[in-house]
Every structure is written in C-alpha cells, then in structure tokens.
Amino acid sequence: MSLGTLRSHLRQATAPAHERVDALLPHGVGRRDDYAAYLRAMHRFVASACLPEGTRERYLPLLRADLHALGIDPDAIARPAVASHDPYERLGWAYVFEGSSLGARMLLRQAQGLGFNAASGARYLHEHAASPQWPALLAQLESSAPDADALHRLVVASNTAFAAVEAALLHALRLERVPA
C-alpha cells in the first residue's frame, strides 16, 4: 500500500472520531476558557498517551508552563501513561498526535490573539506547530508496509488515540471556567 493510499485509508477510517474532537471546540481556542480547556486536555492526553519516546518529556514541561501562565495547577491533571510494545499501535497514537501539529498552527494564532506567545502561555503550541515530526511520521508510515492485521491495529490505535483526546477535552470542558 502506498503512503498516499495508507494516509487516505487512515484519514477515512478516523474521520468520525476526528470530527467529534473538532466539534468540541468548534471555534478553536479564541476564548480564554476554551484555550484553558484545550491546554488541560492536551496535558492530560500527552501525560497518558502511548507516544513515541521523548515526546512526553519534550511537551509536558511546556504544557505545565502554559497552564501555570493561565493560573491552572497542572498536577491535578496528570494520569498514568498508556504503554504498548506494538509498533503499529504506537504508530497509530503518533499519527493522531503528530497530525495535530497541523491544527496547532491555527490554534497558535488564536492563542496569540488572546495575548499568549512562545514566552508565556503558548509555549506548547509554538513548539508543536513548528514540529518537524509530521513529515518524519509520514516517512515512517511509508516504510512500515503494514499487512492487513497490522493495518487493522494501526486504525484501531488511531481511533483509540482520538477517543482519548475526546475524553480529555470533554473532561476539561466540564471543569470550572478560568477567570479572565
């Protein structure tokens, strides 16, 4: 299966889950309480997701700093990390996380409109939006050449990752709103 075909298959197989996540913040993070919920959710997701080695260590300090800038205690959000030794499962989780770097570019502009930047409040988005990992992940997908069983595991893991983002956002949106 070519990369274009594999990527198209993954996009189609995860479209409903992706749409559910996008629907939770239909206007992005242009409001302070939506941005706070987004940061809470991403902290929860990154802390608990089955992500490539080093990803958690790279992004959690940035998320903690951003949460502190908004007056939110990140320690109340942490959860244990999901572990997997299955390379296709890990690839599925990475597909969702690294793909979100594309949306992070738009969200970064919105966070900047709220007065946050790479020095305070938008460190995570600034770093994630500039990440070179998406093209690297696409190259890894291309070289993986999954058989039918591996492709199934990749799709299931991608949908599981989207479900984890959805659950984290739902949880964060139910929390008290941050004062302006």
C-alpha atoms as a PDB file:
ATOM      1  CA  MET A   1       0.000   0.000   0.000  1.00  0.00           C
ATOM      2  CA  SER A   2       1.475   3.386  -0.976  1.00  0.00           C
ATOM      3  CA  LEU A   3       1.766   6.238   1.516  1.00  0.00           C
ATOM      4  CA  GLY A   4      -0.997   8.179  -0.236  1.00  0.00           C
ATOM      5  CA  THR A   5      -3.279   5.166  -0.047  1.00  0.00           C
ATOM      6  CA  LEU A   6      -2.325   4.378   3.553  1.00  0.00           C
ATOM      7  CA  ARG A   7      -2.731   8.001   4.641  1.00  0.00           C
ATOM      8  CA  SER A   8      -6.076   8.240   2.836  1.00  0.00           C
ATOM      9  CA  HIS A   9      -7.216   4.995   4.472  1.00  0.00           C
ATOM     10  CA  LEU A  10      -6.224   6.259   7.931  1.00  0.00           C
ATOM     11  CA  ARG A  11      -7.871   9.640   7.335  1.00  0.00           C
ATOM     12  CA  GLN A  12     -11.104   7.982   6.206  1.00  0.00           C
ATOM     13  CA  ALA A  13     -11.079   5.369   8.991  1.00  0.00           C
ATOM     14  CA  THR A  14     -10.598   8.020  11.674  1.00  0.00           C
ATOM     15  CA  ALA A  15     -12.778  10.778  10.167  1.00  0.00           C
ATOM     16  CA  PRO A  16     -15.763  10.302  12.526  1.00  0.00           C
ATOM     17  CA  ALA A  17     -13.502  10.334  15.594  1.00  0.00           C
ATOM     18  CA  HIS A  18     -11.611  13.368  14.276  1.00  0.00           C
ATOM     19  CA  GLU A  19     -14.886  15.200  13.622  1.00  0.00           C
ATOM     20  CA  ARG A  20     -16.093  14.509  17.187  1.00  0.00           C
ATOM     21  CA  VAL A  21     -12.886  16.040  18.578  1.00  0.00           C
ATOM     22  CA  ASP A  22     -13.125  19.096  16.316  1.00  0.00           C
ATOM     23  CA  ALA A  23     -16.787  19.589  17.274  1.00  0.00           C
ATOM     24  CA  LEU A  24     -15.863  20.001  20.940  1.00  0.00           C
ATOM     25  CA  LEU A  25     -14.079  23.291  20.177  1.00  0.00           C
ATOM     26  CA  PRO A  26     -15.905  24.417  17.029  1.00  0.00           C
ATOM     27  CA  HIS A  27     -14.392  27.900  17.171  1.00  0.00           C
ATOM     28  CA  GLY A  28     -10.939  26.771  18.211  1.00  0.00           C
ATOM     29  CA  VAL A  29      -9.364  28.480  21.217  1.00  0.00           C
ATOM     30  CA  GLY A  30     -10.266  32.099  20.528  1.00  0.00           C
ATOM     31  CA  ARG A  31     -11.794  32.428  24.018  1.00  0.00           C
ATOM     32  CA  ARG A  32      -9.730  32.166  27.183  1.00  0.00           C
ATOM     33  CA  ASP A  33     -11.868  29.421  28.745  1.00  0.00           C
ATOM     34  CA  ASP A  34     -11.692  27.338  25.551  1.00  0.00           C
ATOM     35  CA  TYR A  35      -7.924  27.781  25.485  1.00  0.00           C
ATOM     36  CA  ALA A  36      -7.680  26.745  29.132  1.00  0.00           C
ATOM     37  CA  ALA A  37      -9.773  23.639  28.404  1.00  0.00           C
ATOM     38  CA  TYR A  38      -7.590  22.824  25.400  1.00  0.00           C
ATOM     39  CA  LEU A  39      -4.398  23.075  27.476  1.00  0.00           C
ATOM     40  CA  ARG A  40      -5.887  20.934  30.252  1.00  0.00           C
ATOM     41  CA  ALA A  41      -6.931  18.336  27.689  1.00  0.00           C
ATOM     42  CA  MET A  42      -3.588  18.283  25.913  1.00  0.00           C
ATOM     43  CA  HIS A  43      -1.747  17.953  29.207  1.00  0.00           C
ATOM     44  CA  ARG A  44      -3.969  15.027  30.153  1.00  0.00           C
ATOM     45  CA  PHE A  45      -3.540  13.433  26.730  1.00  0.00           C
ATOM     46  CA  VAL A  46       0.234  13.882  26.440  1.00  0.00           C
ATOM     47  CA  ALA A  47       0.746  12.656  30.011  1.00  0.00           C
ATOM     48  CA  SER A  48      -1.254   9.489  29.395  1.00  0.00           C
ATOM     49  CA  ALA A  49      -0.889   8.723  25.674  1.00  0.00           C
ATOM     50  CA  CYS A  50       1.153   5.985  24.052  1.00  0.00           C
ATOM     51  CA  LEU A  51       3.548   8.388  22.337  1.00  0.00           C
ATOM     52  CA  PRO A  52       7.000   7.971  20.816  1.00  0.00           C
ATOM     53  CA  GLU A  53       9.944   8.060  23.194  1.00  0.00           C
ATOM     54  CA  GLY A  54      10.882  11.588  24.231  1.00  0.00           C
ATOM     55  CA  THR A  55       7.575  13.183  23.206  1.00  0.00           C
ATOM     56  CA  ARG A  56       6.178  13.317  26.734  1.00  0.00           C
ATOM     57  CA  GLU A  57       9.452  14.739  28.080  1.00  0.00           C
ATOM     58  CA  ARG A  58       9.516  17.336  25.294  1.00  0.00           C
ATOM     59  CA  TYR A  59       5.947  18.627  25.648  1.00  0.00           C
ATOM     60  CA  LEU A  60       4.823  18.169  29.264  1.00  0.00           C
ATOM     61  CA  PRO A  61       7.114  20.917  30.649  1.00  0.00           C
ATOM     62  CA  LEU A  62       5.768  23.312  28.002  1.00  0.00           C
ATOM     63  CA  LEU A  63       2.170  22.408  28.829  1.00  0.00           C
ATOM     64  CA  ARG A  64       2.843  22.817  32.564  1.00  0.00           C
ATOM     65  CA  ALA A  65       4.342  26.263  31.969  1.00  0.00           C
ATOM     66  CA  ASP A  66       1.364  27.299  29.821  1.00  0.00           C
ATOM     67  CA  LEU A  67      -1.109  26.060  32.420  1.00  0.00           C
ATOM     68  CA  HIS A  68       0.755  27.987  35.129  1.00  0.00           C
ATOM     69  CA  ALA A  69       0.566  31.119  32.935  1.00  0.00           C
ATOM     70  CA  LEU A  70      -3.220  30.712  32.982  1.00  0.00           C
ATOM     71  CA  GLY A  71      -3.275  30.092  36.735  1.00  0.00           C
ATOM     72  CA  ILE A  72      -4.066  26.364  36.457  1.00  0.00           C
ATOM     73  CA  ASP A  73      -2.381  23.693  38.572  1.00  0.00           C
ATOM     74  CA  PRO A  74      -1.182  21.005  36.120  1.00  0.00           C
ATOM     75  CA  ASP A  75      -0.567  18.460  38.878  1.00  0.00           C
ATOM     76  CA  ALA A  76      -4.311  17.937  39.249  1.00  0.00           C
ATOM     77  CA  ILE A  77      -4.486  16.769  35.604  1.00  0.00           C
ATOM     78  CA  ALA A  78      -1.804  14.066  35.381  1.00  0.00           C
ATOM     79  CA  ARG A  79      -2.697  10.444  34.657  1.00  0.00           C
ATOM     80  CA  PRO A  80      -0.580   7.318  34.153  1.00  0.00           C
ATOM     81  CA  ALA A  81       0.736   6.735  30.646  1.00  0.00           C
ATOM     82  CA  VAL A  82      -0.548   4.028  28.311  1.00  0.00           C
ATOM     83  CA  ALA A  83       2.205   1.633  27.282  1.00  0.00           C
ATOM     84  CA  SER A  84       2.491  -0.571  24.209  1.00  0.00           C
ATOM     85  CA  HIS A  85       5.236  -2.564  22.583  1.00  0.00           C
ATOM     86  CA  ASP A  86       3.254  -2.988  19.355  1.00  0.00           C
ATOM     87  CA  PRO A  87       4.914  -0.729  16.745  1.00  0.00           C
ATOM     88  CA  TYR A  88       1.658  -0.266  14.824  1.00  0.00           C
ATOM     89  CA  GLU A  89      -0.231   0.737  17.950  1.00  0.00           C
ATOM     90  CA  ARG A  90       2.468   3.276  18.787  1.00  0.00           C
ATOM     91  CA  LEU A  91       2.373   4.492  15.176  1.00  0.00           C
ATOM     92  CA  GLY A  92      -1.410   4.969  15.398  1.00  0.00           C
ATOM     93  CA  TRP A  93      -1.090   7.137  18.513  1.00  0.00           C
ATOM     94  CA  ALA A  94       1.744   9.095  16.888  1.00  0.00           C
ATOM     95  CA  TYR A  95      -0.384   9.601  13.759  1.00  0.00           C
ATOM     96  CA  VAL A  96      -3.013  11.403  15.825  1.00  0.00           C
ATOM     97  CA  PHE A  97      -0.586  13.425  17.940  1.00  0.00           C
ATOM     98  CA  GLU A  98       1.827  14.461  15.202  1.00  0.00           C
ATOM     99  CA  GLY A  99      -1.037  15.179  12.823  1.00  0.00           C
ATOM    100  CA  SER A 100      -2.384  17.635  15.390  1.00  0.00           C
ATOM    101  CA  SER A 101       0.678  19.797  14.760  1.00  0.00           C
ATOM    102  CA  LEU A 102      -1.061  20.962  11.580  1.00  0.00           C
ATOM    103  CA  GLY A 103      -4.059  22.272  13.566  1.00  0.00           C
ATOM    104  CA  ALA A 104      -1.702  23.706  16.180  1.00  0.00           C
ATOM    105  CA  ARG A 105      -0.711  26.380  13.670  1.00  0.00           C
ATOM    106  CA  MET A 106      -4.236  27.790  13.594  1.00  0.00           C
ATOM    107  CA  LEU A 107      -4.662  27.414  17.346  1.00  0.00           C
ATOM    108  CA  LEU A 108      -1.368  29.237  17.921  1.00  0.00           C
ATOM    109  CA  ARG A 109      -2.666  32.270  16.016  1.00  0.00           C
ATOM    110  CA  GLN A 110      -5.800  32.239  18.177  1.00  0.00           C
ATOM    111  CA  ALA A 111      -3.766  31.934  21.398  1.00  0.00           C
ATOM    112  CA  GLN A 112      -1.626  34.845  20.257  1.00  0.00           C
ATOM    113  CA  GLY A 113      -4.833  36.828  19.783  1.00  0.00           C
ATOM    114  CA  LEU A 114      -5.514  36.200  23.476  1.00  0.00           C
ATOM    115  CA  GLY A 115      -2.120  37.686  24.347  1.00  0.00           C
ATOM    116  CA  PHE A 116      -0.141  34.465  24.743  1.00  0.00           C
ATOM    117  CA  ASN A 117       3.129  33.756  22.950  1.00  0.00           C
ATOM    118  CA  ALA A 118       6.172  31.480  22.847  1.00  0.00           C
ATOM    119  CA  ALA A 119       7.498  33.098  26.038  1.00  0.00           C
ATOM    120  CA  SER A 120       4.294  32.856  28.079  1.00  0.00           C
ATOM    121  CA  GLY A 121       1.107  30.852  27.743  1.00  0.00           C
ATOM    122  CA  ALA A 122       1.612  29.412  24.240  1.00  0.00           C
ATOM    123  CA  ARG A 123       4.903  27.553  24.578  1.00  0.00           C
ATOM    124  CA  TYR A 124       3.333  24.200  23.763  1.00  0.00           C
ATOM    125  CA  LEU A 125       1.507  25.409  20.661  1.00  0.00           C
ATOM    126  CA  HIS A 126       4.567  27.280  19.444  1.00  0.00           C
ATOM    127  CA  GLU A 127       6.730  24.170  19.728  1.00  0.00           C
ATOM    128  CA  HIS A 128       4.119  21.742  18.407  1.00  0.00           C
ATOM    129  CA  ALA A 129       3.194  23.929  15.409  1.00  0.00           C
ATOM    130  CA  ALA A 130       6.873  24.069  14.407  1.00  0.00           C
ATOM    131  CA  SER A 131       7.491  20.357  14.928  1.00  0.00           C
ATOM    132  CA  PRO A 132       9.191  18.513  12.058  1.00  0.00           C
ATOM    133  CA  GLN A 133       7.754  15.198  13.286  1.00  0.00           C
ATOM    134  CA  TRP A 134       4.729  15.034  10.950  1.00  0.00           C
ATOM    135  CA  PRO A 135       6.841  14.549   7.798  1.00  0.00           C
ATOM    136  CA  ALA A 136       9.012  12.099   9.748  1.00  0.00           C
ATOM    137  CA  LEU A 137       5.905  10.158  10.769  1.00  0.00           C
ATOM    138  CA  LEU A 138       4.697  10.060   7.163  1.00  0.00           C
ATOM    139  CA  ALA A 139       8.088   8.641   6.149  1.00  0.00           C
ATOM    140  CA  GLN A 140       7.799   6.043   8.901  1.00  0.00           C
ATOM    141  CA  LEU A 141       4.301   5.121   7.705  1.00  0.00           C
ATOM    142  CA  GLU A 142       5.589   4.768   4.147  1.00  0.00           C
ATOM    143  CA  SER A 143       8.375   2.438   5.218  1.00  0.00           C
ATOM    144  CA  SER A 144       6.135   0.365   7.502  1.00  0.00           C
ATOM    145  CA  ALA A 145       4.230  -1.503   4.733  1.00  0.00           C
ATOM    146  CA  PRO A 146       1.614  -2.978   7.083  1.00  0.00           C
ATOM    147  CA  ASP A 147      -0.142  -6.216   6.249  1.00  0.00           C
ATOM    148  CA  ALA A 148      -3.931  -6.442   6.832  1.00  0.00           C
ATOM    149  CA  ASP A 149      -3.572  -7.303  10.534  1.00  0.00           C
ATOM    150  CA  ALA A 150      -1.053  -4.527  11.181  1.00  0.00           C
ATOM    151  CA  LEU A 151      -3.221  -2.046   9.269  1.00  0.00           C
ATOM    152  CA  HIS A 152      -6.172  -3.004  11.470  1.00  0.00           C
ATOM    153  CA  ARG A 153      -4.078  -2.454  14.625  1.00  0.00           C
ATOM    154  CA  LEU A 154      -2.909   0.911  13.252  1.00  0.00           C
ATOM    155  CA  VAL A 155      -6.505   2.047  12.602  1.00  0.00           C
ATOM    156  CA  VAL A 156      -7.737   0.809  15.998  1.00  0.00           C
ATOM    157  CA  ALA A 157      -4.881   2.598  17.775  1.00  0.00           C
ATOM    158  CA  SER A 158      -5.531   5.824  15.841  1.00  0.00           C
ATOM    159  CA  ASN A 159      -9.204   5.734  16.776  1.00  0.00           C
ATOM    160  CA  THR A 160      -8.282   4.926  20.371  1.00  0.00           C
ATOM    161  CA  ALA A 161      -5.982   7.946  20.420  1.00  0.00           C
ATOM    162  CA  PHE A 162      -8.741  10.192  19.054  1.00  0.00           C
ATOM    163  CA  ALA A 163     -11.083   8.789  21.718  1.00  0.00           C
ATOM    164  CA  ALA A 164      -8.500   9.661  24.380  1.00  0.00           C
ATOM    165  CA  VAL A 165      -8.292  13.246  23.065  1.00  0.00           C
ATOM    166  CA  GLU A 166     -12.094  13.433  23.019  1.00  0.00           C
ATOM    167  CA  ALA A 167     -12.344  12.154  26.602  1.00  0.00           C
ATOM    168  CA  ALA A 168      -9.660  14.603  27.757  1.00  0.00           C
ATOM    169  CA  LEU A 169     -11.455  17.525  26.090  1.00  0.00           C
ATOM    170  CA  LEU A 170     -14.838  16.505  27.482  1.00  0.00           C
ATOM    171  CA  HIS A 171     -13.313  16.310  30.941  1.00  0.00           C
ATOM    172  CA  ALA A 172     -11.588  19.683  30.572  1.00  0.00           C
ATOM    173  CA  LEU A 173     -14.682  21.430  29.226  1.00  0.00           C
ATOM    174  CA  ARG A 174     -16.662  20.322  32.277  1.00  0.00           C
ATOM    175  CA  LEU A 175     -14.200  21.918  34.701  1.00  0.00           C
ATOM    176  CA  GLU A 176     -14.721  25.367  36.156  1.00  0.00           C
ATOM    177  CA  ARG A 177     -14.029  28.180  33.771  1.00  0.00           C
ATOM    178  CA  VAL A 178     -10.845  30.174  34.288  1.00  0.00           C
ATOM    179  CA  PRO A 179     -11.402  33.796  35.392  1.00  0.00           C
ATOM    180  CA  ALA A 180     -10.354  36.385  32.837  1.00  0.00           C
END
